[in-house]
């Protein structure tokens, strides 16, 4: 089986800047030959994200807020018109209000809980539902999770609960979409200094702990996550669906 993606069309959600995991996956897909549509969230992120996206020859940039169903509908109508079919969808989107990642978890607000689950979890269902009719030849849906979904990570708080819901959503979507030959998987990456990660208190402690305890005795590189995204997008992973693939230098296997 090959990781060659020539002739495949992919849409990538979640590019914020050059440190984004979504950007690393997008670069990998591009290098493997895929034709790319890459989204950014809003006008505030437009300049940096658009310049980055258009630096990949042939890639197109689109604005889409995944918490807005009308914007999702408009985007996929445009993708259908532009590309006809889709083969790969990358969902690298997560958000919780900053205060929810600073205070004790027990003080999570109702609104903070709602926002975290809407943006980080429901959006995967929404974009997968919109993409499925365009995946006429089958396809691959890839999302991003983190170890905080299964073990307590201080300050990760409601995002840990949202990531647990996301991993469960991956399994239910895999069951629903399997009949269409669409695979759905999650990558659980170790901590990386992305824009989103910088909002978590104690990130440097987290990175230090991972490097000390992981079997490979280092932190994962964002390009390793990108390469795993290419693998999951390709026919090389044709028998894998509903899974969480860890790319964390082995940290998750350790008891202490």
C-alpha atoms as a PDB file:
ATOM      1  CA  UNK A   1       0.000   0.000   0.000  1.00  0.00           C
ATOM      2  CA  UNK A   2       1.204   3.503  -0.862  1.00  0.00           C
ATOM      3  CA  UNK A   3       1.066   6.918   0.783  1.00  0.00           C
ATOM      4  CA  UNK A   4       0.832   8.560  -2.646  1.00  0.00           C
ATOM      5  CA  UNK A   5      -2.110  10.983  -2.661  1.00  0.00           C
ATOM      6  CA  UNK A   6      -1.879  12.166  -6.282  1.00  0.00           C
ATOM      7  CA  UNK A   7      -5.362  12.773  -7.652  1.00  0.00           C
ATOM      8  CA  UNK A   8      -6.896  13.098  -4.167  1.00  0.00           C
ATOM      9  CA  UNK A   9      -8.676  16.192  -2.854  1.00  0.00           C
ATOM     10  CA  UNK A  10      -8.339  17.176   0.802  1.00  0.00           C
ATOM     11  CA  UNK A  11      -9.850  19.835   3.038  1.00  0.00           C
ATOM     12  CA  UNK A  12      -7.974  20.862   6.184  1.00  0.00           C
ATOM     13  CA  UNK A  13      -9.644  22.738   9.057  1.00  0.00           C
ATOM     14  CA  UNK A  14      -7.673  24.519  11.743  1.00  0.00           C
ATOM     15  CA  UNK A  15      -4.673  26.309  10.264  1.00  0.00           C
ATOM     16  CA  UNK A  16      -3.824  29.298  12.478  1.00  0.00           C
ATOM     17  CA  UNK A  17      -0.113  29.797  11.834  1.00  0.00           C
ATOM     18  CA  UNK A  18       3.037  27.937  10.831  1.00  0.00           C
ATOM     19  CA  UNK A  19       3.188  26.137  14.198  1.00  0.00           C
ATOM     20  CA  UNK A  20      -0.264  24.577  13.777  1.00  0.00           C
ATOM     21  CA  UNK A  21      -0.516  20.806  13.668  1.00  0.00           C
ATOM     22  CA  UNK A  22      -3.022  21.361  10.859  1.00  0.00           C
ATOM     23  CA  UNK A  23      -0.327  23.179   8.879  1.00  0.00           C
ATOM     24  CA  UNK A  24       2.137  20.317   9.318  1.00  0.00           C
ATOM     25  CA  UNK A  25      -0.464  17.824   8.085  1.00  0.00           C
ATOM     26  CA  UNK A  26      -1.369  20.128   5.182  1.00  0.00           C
ATOM     27  CA  UNK A  27       2.286  20.304   4.118  1.00  0.00           C
ATOM     28  CA  UNK A  28       2.542  16.519   4.290  1.00  0.00           C
ATOM     29  CA  UNK A  29      -0.608  16.050   2.206  1.00  0.00           C
ATOM     30  CA  UNK A  30       0.689  18.548  -0.340  1.00  0.00           C
ATOM     31  CA  UNK A  31       4.051  16.780  -0.585  1.00  0.00           C
ATOM     32  CA  UNK A  32       2.220  13.479  -1.113  1.00  0.00           C
ATOM     33  CA  UNK A  33       0.404  14.985  -4.104  1.00  0.00           C
ATOM     34  CA  UNK A  34      -3.032  15.918  -2.714  1.00  0.00           C
ATOM     35  CA  UNK A  35      -4.915  18.969  -3.960  1.00  0.00           C
ATOM     36  CA  UNK A  36      -5.709  21.129  -0.934  1.00  0.00           C
ATOM     37  CA  UNK A  37      -8.476  23.363   0.341  1.00  0.00           C
ATOM     38  CA  UNK A  38      -7.401  24.849   3.687  1.00  0.00           C
ATOM     39  CA  UNK A  39      -9.629  26.838   6.000  1.00  0.00           C
ATOM     40  CA  UNK A  40      -8.998  29.508   8.603  1.00  0.00           C
ATOM     41  CA  UNK A  41     -11.502  30.622  11.206  1.00  0.00           C
ATOM     42  CA  UNK A  42     -12.122  34.333  10.789  1.00  0.00           C
ATOM     43  CA  UNK A  43     -10.932  37.716   9.541  1.00  0.00           C
ATOM     44  CA  UNK A  44      -8.612  38.142  12.550  1.00  0.00           C
ATOM     45  CA  UNK A  45      -6.572  35.123  11.397  1.00  0.00           C
ATOM     46  CA  UNK A  46      -6.998  35.809   7.693  1.00  0.00           C
ATOM     47  CA  UNK A  47      -3.756  37.594   6.843  1.00  0.00           C
ATOM     48  CA  UNK A  48      -1.286  35.186   8.439  1.00  0.00           C
ATOM     49  CA  UNK A  49      -3.215  32.038   7.573  1.00  0.00           C
ATOM     50  CA  UNK A  50      -3.976  33.060   3.998  1.00  0.00           C
ATOM     51  CA  UNK A  51      -0.361  33.981   3.218  1.00  0.00           C
ATOM     52  CA  UNK A  52       0.749  30.643   4.649  1.00  0.00           C
ATOM     53  CA  UNK A  53      -1.849  28.614   2.767  1.00  0.00           C
ATOM     54  CA  UNK A  54      -1.169  30.262  -0.569  1.00  0.00           C
ATOM     55  CA  UNK A  55       2.547  29.504  -0.160  1.00  0.00           C
ATOM     56  CA  UNK A  56       1.676  25.907  -1.065  1.00  0.00           C
ATOM     57  CA  UNK A  57       1.368  25.792  -4.868  1.00  0.00           C
ATOM     58  CA  UNK A  58      -2.180  24.916  -5.898  1.00  0.00           C
ATOM     59  CA  UNK A  59      -3.674  25.197  -2.391  1.00  0.00           C
ATOM     60  CA  UNK A  60      -6.769  27.360  -1.916  1.00  0.00           C
ATOM     61  CA  UNK A  61      -7.743  29.295   1.207  1.00  0.00           C
ATOM     62  CA  UNK A  62     -11.286  29.547   2.567  1.00  0.00           C
ATOM     63  CA  UNK A  63     -12.731  31.186   5.666  1.00  0.00           C
ATOM     64  CA  UNK A  64     -15.014  28.957   7.731  1.00  0.00           C
ATOM     65  CA  UNK A  65     -16.126  29.159  11.349  1.00  0.00           C
ATOM     66  CA  UNK A  66     -17.018  25.553  12.211  1.00  0.00           C
ATOM     67  CA  UNK A  67     -19.429  26.701  14.929  1.00  0.00           C
ATOM     68  CA  UNK A  68     -21.630  28.212  12.206  1.00  0.00           C
ATOM     69  CA  UNK A  69     -23.707  25.727  10.172  1.00  0.00           C
ATOM     70  CA  UNK A  70     -24.411  28.253   7.421  1.00  0.00           C
ATOM     71  CA  UNK A  71     -20.673  28.794   6.873  1.00  0.00           C
ATOM     72  CA  UNK A  72     -20.076  25.030   6.761  1.00  0.00           C
ATOM     73  CA  UNK A  73     -22.863  24.618   4.190  1.00  0.00           C
ATOM     74  CA  UNK A  74     -21.457  27.434   2.044  1.00  0.00           C
ATOM     75  CA  UNK A  75     -17.946  26.015   2.192  1.00  0.00           C
ATOM     76  CA  UNK A  76     -18.941  22.506   1.126  1.00  0.00           C
ATOM     77  CA  UNK A  77     -21.139  23.840  -1.668  1.00  0.00           C
ATOM     78  CA  UNK A  78     -18.048  25.699  -2.925  1.00  0.00           C
ATOM     79  CA  UNK A  79     -15.849  22.603  -2.523  1.00  0.00           C
ATOM     80  CA  UNK A  80     -18.341  20.518  -4.495  1.00  0.00           C
ATOM     81  CA  UNK A  81     -18.351  23.086  -7.282  1.00  0.00           C
ATOM     82  CA  UNK A  82     -14.554  23.469  -7.241  1.00  0.00           C
ATOM     83  CA  UNK A  83     -13.385  19.879  -6.763  1.00  0.00           C
ATOM     84  CA  UNK A  84     -16.382  17.612  -7.334  1.00  0.00           C
ATOM     85  CA  UNK A  85     -15.151  14.961  -4.930  1.00  0.00           C
ATOM     86  CA  UNK A  86     -13.333  14.893  -1.609  1.00  0.00           C
ATOM     87  CA  UNK A  87     -11.086  12.116  -0.327  1.00  0.00           C
ATOM     88  CA  UNK A  88      -9.608  13.499   2.899  1.00  0.00           C
ATOM     89  CA  UNK A  89     -10.894  15.729   5.708  1.00  0.00           C
ATOM     90  CA  UNK A  90      -8.600  16.929   8.497  1.00  0.00           C
ATOM     91  CA  UNK A  91     -10.303  18.399  11.583  1.00  0.00           C
ATOM     92  CA  UNK A  92      -7.732  20.128  13.803  1.00  0.00           C
ATOM     93  CA  UNK A  93     -10.042  22.423  15.736  1.00  0.00           C
ATOM     94  CA  UNK A  94     -10.409  22.871  19.496  1.00  0.00           C
ATOM     95  CA  UNK A  95     -11.324  25.750  21.768  1.00  0.00           C
ATOM     96  CA  UNK A  96     -12.378  26.506  25.326  1.00  0.00           C
ATOM     97  CA  UNK A  97     -12.613  29.962  26.925  1.00  0.00           C
ATOM     98  CA  UNK A  98      -9.287  30.881  28.563  1.00  0.00           C
ATOM     99  CA  UNK A  99     -10.711  31.115  32.102  1.00  0.00           C
ATOM    100  CA  UNK A 100     -11.872  27.492  31.906  1.00  0.00           C
ATOM    101  CA  UNK A 101      -8.214  26.419  31.579  1.00  0.00           C
ATOM    102  CA  UNK A 102      -7.040  28.500  34.555  1.00  0.00           C
ATOM    103  CA  UNK A 103      -9.609  27.859  37.259  1.00  0.00           C
ATOM    104  CA  UNK A 104     -10.323  24.571  39.044  1.00  0.00           C
ATOM    105  CA  UNK A 105     -12.308  22.110  36.925  1.00  0.00           C
ATOM    106  CA  UNK A 106     -15.121  22.064  39.477  1.00  0.00           C
ATOM    107  CA  UNK A 107     -15.743  25.725  38.606  1.00  0.00           C
ATOM    108  CA  UNK A 108     -16.323  25.021  34.907  1.00  0.00           C
ATOM    109  CA  UNK A 109     -19.163  27.243  33.750  1.00  0.00           C
ATOM    110  CA  UNK A 110     -22.169  25.987  31.845  1.00  0.00           C
ATOM    111  CA  UNK A 111     -21.313  28.296  28.939  1.00  0.00           C
ATOM    112  CA  UNK A 112     -17.648  27.277  28.943  1.00  0.00           C
ATOM    113  CA  UNK A 113     -18.655  23.611  28.834  1.00  0.00           C
ATOM    114  CA  UNK A 114     -21.063  24.277  25.973  1.00  0.00           C
ATOM    115  CA  UNK A 115     -18.543  26.242  23.912  1.00  0.00           C
ATOM    116  CA  UNK A 116     -15.763  23.663  24.388  1.00  0.00           C
ATOM    117  CA  UNK A 117     -18.006  20.828  23.209  1.00  0.00           C
ATOM    118  CA  UNK A 118     -19.625  22.762  20.389  1.00  0.00           C
ATOM    119  CA  UNK A 119     -16.352  23.934  18.826  1.00  0.00           C
ATOM    120  CA  UNK A 120     -14.149  20.958  19.680  1.00  0.00           C
ATOM    121  CA  UNK A 121     -16.568  18.045  19.268  1.00  0.00           C
ATOM    122  CA  UNK A 122     -19.815  18.858  17.493  1.00  0.00           C
ATOM    123  CA  UNK A 123     -17.881  20.550  14.703  1.00  0.00           C
ATOM    124  CA  UNK A 124     -16.389  17.159  13.741  1.00  0.00           C
ATOM    125  CA  UNK A 125     -19.895  15.737  13.311  1.00  0.00           C
ATOM    126  CA  UNK A 126     -20.978  18.793  11.319  1.00  0.00           C
ATOM    127  CA  UNK A 127     -18.060  18.788   8.866  1.00  0.00           C
ATOM    128  CA  UNK A 128     -18.058  14.985   8.490  1.00  0.00           C
ATOM    129  CA  UNK A 129     -21.770  15.074   7.650  1.00  0.00           C
ATOM    130  CA  UNK A 130     -21.166  17.788   5.057  1.00  0.00           C
ATOM    131  CA  UNK A 131     -18.157  15.979   3.565  1.00  0.00           C
ATOM    132  CA  UNK A 132     -19.663  12.496   3.324  1.00  0.00           C
ATOM    133  CA  UNK A 133     -21.740  13.098   0.145  1.00  0.00           C
ATOM    134  CA  UNK A 134     -18.565  14.335  -1.613  1.00  0.00           C
ATOM    135  CA  UNK A 135     -16.594  11.233  -0.586  1.00  0.00           C
ATOM    136  CA  UNK A 136     -18.119   9.149  -3.365  1.00  0.00           C
ATOM    137  CA  UNK A 137     -15.037   6.930  -3.582  1.00  0.00           C
ATOM    138  CA  UNK A 138     -14.716   6.545   0.184  1.00  0.00           C
ATOM    139  CA  UNK A 139     -12.338   8.652   2.210  1.00  0.00           C
ATOM    140  CA  UNK A 140     -10.521   9.419   5.424  1.00  0.00           C
ATOM    141  CA  UNK A 141     -11.568  11.767   8.229  1.00  0.00           C
ATOM    142  CA  UNK A 142      -8.826  12.660  10.714  1.00  0.00           C
ATOM    143  CA  UNK A 143      -9.162  14.617  13.953  1.00  0.00           C
ATOM    144  CA  UNK A 144      -6.787  15.610  16.749  1.00  0.00           C
ATOM    145  CA  UNK A 145      -7.053  14.503  20.369  1.00  0.00           C
ATOM    146  CA  UNK A 146      -4.791  14.449  23.447  1.00  0.00           C
ATOM    147  CA  UNK A 147      -3.940  12.175  26.386  1.00  0.00           C
ATOM    148  CA  UNK A 148      -5.941  14.474  28.675  1.00  0.00           C
ATOM    149  CA  UNK A 149      -9.027  12.698  27.300  1.00  0.00           C
ATOM    150  CA  UNK A 150      -8.268   9.642  29.439  1.00  0.00           C
ATOM    151  CA  UNK A 151      -6.029  10.811  32.289  1.00  0.00           C
ATOM    152  CA  UNK A 152      -6.128  13.980  34.363  1.00  0.00           C
ATOM    153  CA  UNK A 153      -3.744  16.645  33.060  1.00  0.00           C
ATOM    154  CA  UNK A 154      -3.645  19.663  35.398  1.00  0.00           C
ATOM    155  CA  UNK A 155      -5.183  22.792  33.852  1.00  0.00           C
ATOM    156  CA  UNK A 156      -6.493  20.904  30.799  1.00  0.00           C
ATOM    157  CA  UNK A 157      -9.871  20.838  32.547  1.00  0.00           C
ATOM    158  CA  UNK A 158     -12.934  20.973  30.293  1.00  0.00           C
ATOM    159  CA  UNK A 159     -10.790  20.362  27.197  1.00  0.00           C
ATOM    160  CA  UNK A 160      -9.995  16.907  28.587  1.00  0.00           C
ATOM    161  CA  UNK A 161     -13.713  16.188  28.875  1.00  0.00           C
ATOM    162  CA  UNK A 162     -14.277  17.538  25.356  1.00  0.00           C
ATOM    163  CA  UNK A 163     -11.451  15.385  23.949  1.00  0.00           C
ATOM    164  CA  UNK A 164     -12.978  12.313  25.631  1.00  0.00           C
ATOM    165  CA  UNK A 165     -16.250  13.146  23.881  1.00  0.00           C
ATOM    166  CA  UNK A 166     -14.336  13.661  20.630  1.00  0.00           C
ATOM    167  CA  UNK A 167     -12.738  10.206  20.845  1.00  0.00           C
ATOM    168  CA  UNK A 168     -16.165   8.644  21.437  1.00  0.00           C
ATOM    169  CA  UNK A 169     -17.508  10.641  18.493  1.00  0.00           C
ATOM    170  CA  UNK A 170     -14.741   9.172  16.299  1.00  0.00           C
ATOM    171  CA  UNK A 171     -15.998   5.667  17.080  1.00  0.00           C
ATOM    172  CA  UNK A 172     -19.651   6.477  16.404  1.00  0.00           C
ATOM    173  CA  UNK A 173     -18.816   8.264  13.155  1.00  0.00           C
ATOM    174  CA  UNK A 174     -16.608   5.335  12.098  1.00  0.00           C
ATOM    175  CA  UNK A 175     -19.594   3.026  12.554  1.00  0.00           C
ATOM    176  CA  UNK A 176     -22.002   5.315  10.690  1.00  0.00           C
ATOM    177  CA  UNK A 177     -19.701   6.180   7.784  1.00  0.00           C
ATOM    178  CA  UNK A 178     -18.021   2.804   7.362  1.00  0.00           C
ATOM    179  CA  UNK A 179     -20.780   1.688   5.000  1.00  0.00           C
ATOM    180  CA  UNK A 180     -19.667   4.490   2.674  1.00  0.00           C
ATOM    181  CA  UNK A 181     -16.032   3.322   2.897  1.00  0.00           C
ATOM    182  CA  UNK A 182     -15.175   6.414   4.907  1.00  0.00           C
ATOM    183  CA  UNK A 183     -12.677   5.869   7.718  1.00  0.00           C
ATOM    184  CA  UNK A 184     -12.589   8.061  10.829  1.00  0.00           C
ATOM    185  CA  UNK A 185      -9.568   8.192  13.145  1.00  0.00           C
ATOM    186  CA  UNK A 186      -7.933  10.459  15.714  1.00  0.00           C
ATOM    187  CA  UNK A 187      -4.283  11.300  16.276  1.00  0.00           C
ATOM    188  CA  UNK A 188      -3.314  11.769  19.924  1.00  0.00           C
ATOM    189  CA  UNK A 189      -0.219  13.941  19.764  1.00  0.00           C
ATOM    190  CA  UNK A 190       2.101  14.702  22.639  1.00  0.00           C
ATOM    191  CA  UNK A 191       2.317  18.349  23.772  1.00  0.00           C
ATOM    192  CA  UNK A 192       3.595  20.746  21.105  1.00  0.00           C
ATOM    193  CA  UNK A 193       4.052  24.521  21.342  1.00  0.00           C
ATOM    194  CA  UNK A 194       1.114  25.480  19.149  1.00  0.00           C
ATOM    195  CA  UNK A 195      -1.017  28.627  19.466  1.00  0.00           C
ATOM    196  CA  UNK A 196      -3.759  26.573  21.169  1.00  0.00           C
ATOM    197  CA  UNK A 197      -1.358  24.840  23.571  1.00  0.00           C
ATOM    198  CA  UNK A 198       0.049  28.144  24.773  1.00  0.00           C
ATOM    199  CA  UNK A 199      -3.337  28.858  26.350  1.00  0.00           C
ATOM    200  CA  UNK A 200      -2.810  25.974  28.817  1.00  0.00           C
ATOM    201  CA  UNK A 201      -1.142  26.899  32.111  1.00  0.00           C
ATOM    202  CA  UNK A 202       1.956  24.852  32.875  1.00  0.00           C
ATOM    203  CA  UNK A 203       2.770  23.931  29.264  1.00  0.00           C
ATOM    204  CA  UNK A 204       6.527  24.065  29.939  1.00  0.00           C
ATOM    205  CA  UNK A 205       6.134  21.660  32.871  1.00  0.00           C
ATOM    206  CA  UNK A 206       4.080  19.380  30.653  1.00  0.00           C
ATOM    207  CA  UNK A 207       6.767  19.366  27.949  1.00  0.00           C
ATOM    208  CA  UNK A 208       9.493  18.684  30.530  1.00  0.00           C
ATOM    209  CA  UNK A 209       7.543  15.801  32.095  1.00  0.00           C
ATOM    210  CA  UNK A 210       6.814  14.208  28.705  1.00  0.00           C
ATOM    211  CA  UNK A 211      10.454  14.384  27.642  1.00  0.00           C
ATOM    212  CA  UNK A 212      11.609  12.812  30.907  1.00  0.00           C
ATOM    213  CA  UNK A 213       9.053   9.977  31.037  1.00  0.00           C
ATOM    214  CA  UNK A 214       8.485   9.046  27.393  1.00  0.00           C
ATOM    215  CA  UNK A 215      10.359   5.902  26.281  1.00  0.00           C
ATOM    216  CA  UNK A 216      12.044   7.909  23.497  1.00  0.00           C
ATOM    217  CA  UNK A 217      13.080  10.504  26.102  1.00  0.00           C
ATOM    218  CA  UNK A 218      12.033  13.493  24.040  1.00  0.00           C
ATOM    219  CA  UNK A 219       8.980  15.422  22.919  1.00  0.00           C
ATOM    220  CA  UNK A 220       7.295  14.687  19.630  1.00  0.00           C
ATOM    221  CA  UNK A 221       8.050  16.892  16.634  1.00  0.00           C
ATOM    222  CA  UNK A 222       5.106  18.447  14.809  1.00  0.00           C
ATOM    223  CA  UNK A 223       6.362  16.939  11.528  1.00  0.00           C
ATOM    224  CA  UNK A 224       5.979  13.453  13.011  1.00  0.00           C
ATOM    225  CA  UNK A 225       2.327  14.243  13.614  1.00  0.00           C
ATOM    226  CA  UNK A 226       2.056  15.538  10.036  1.00  0.00           C
ATOM    227  CA  UNK A 227       3.522  12.290   8.686  1.00  0.00           C
ATOM    228  CA  UNK A 228       0.967  10.272  10.659  1.00  0.00           C
ATOM    229  CA  UNK A 229      -1.784  12.412   9.128  1.00  0.00           C
ATOM    230  CA  UNK A 230      -0.514  11.517   5.654  1.00  0.00           C
ATOM    231  CA  UNK A 231      -0.477   7.830   6.617  1.00  0.00           C
ATOM    232  CA  UNK A 232      -4.090   7.981   7.829  1.00  0.00           C
ATOM    233  CA  UNK A 233      -5.126   9.853   4.678  1.00  0.00           C
ATOM    234  CA  UNK A 234      -3.564   7.243   2.407  1.00  0.00           C
ATOM    235  CA  UNK A 235      -4.370   3.715   1.310  1.00  0.00           C
ATOM    236  CA  UNK A 236      -1.559   2.521   3.592  1.00  0.00           C
ATOM    237  CA  UNK A 237      -4.082   2.766   6.465  1.00  0.00           C
ATOM    238  CA  UNK A 238      -7.038   1.342   4.532  1.00  0.00           C
ATOM    239  CA  UNK A 239      -7.927  -1.169   7.273  1.00  0.00           C
ATOM    240  CA  UNK A 240      -7.857   1.310  10.173  1.00  0.00           C
ATOM    241  CA  UNK A 241     -10.962   3.107  11.432  1.00  0.00           C
ATOM    242  CA  UNK A 242     -12.413   4.230  14.747  1.00  0.00           C
ATOM    243  CA  UNK A 243      -8.954   4.338  16.332  1.00  0.00           C
ATOM    244  CA  UNK A 244      -6.856   6.738  18.388  1.00  0.00           C
ATOM    245  CA  UNK A 245      -3.275   6.675  17.074  1.00  0.00           C
ATOM    246  CA  UNK A 246      -0.734   7.918  19.627  1.00  0.00           C
ATOM    247  CA  UNK A 247       2.153  10.039  18.361  1.00  0.00           C
ATOM    248  CA  UNK A 248       3.716  10.995  21.683  1.00  0.00           C
ATOM    249  CA  UNK A 249       7.098   9.202  21.803  1.00  0.00           C
ATOM    250  CA  UNK A 250       5.397   6.474  23.854  1.00  0.00           C
ATOM    251  CA  UNK A 251       4.419   8.651  26.831  1.00  0.00           C
ATOM    252  CA  UNK A 252       0.927   7.126  27.008  1.00  0.00           C
ATOM    253  CA  UNK A 253       2.202   3.604  27.767  1.00  0.00           C
ATOM    254  CA  UNK A 254       3.985   4.616  30.979  1.00  0.00           C
ATOM    255  CA  UNK A 255       2.493   4.100  34.426  1.00  0.00           C
ATOM    256  CA  UNK A 256       4.934   6.491  36.144  1.00  0.00           C
END
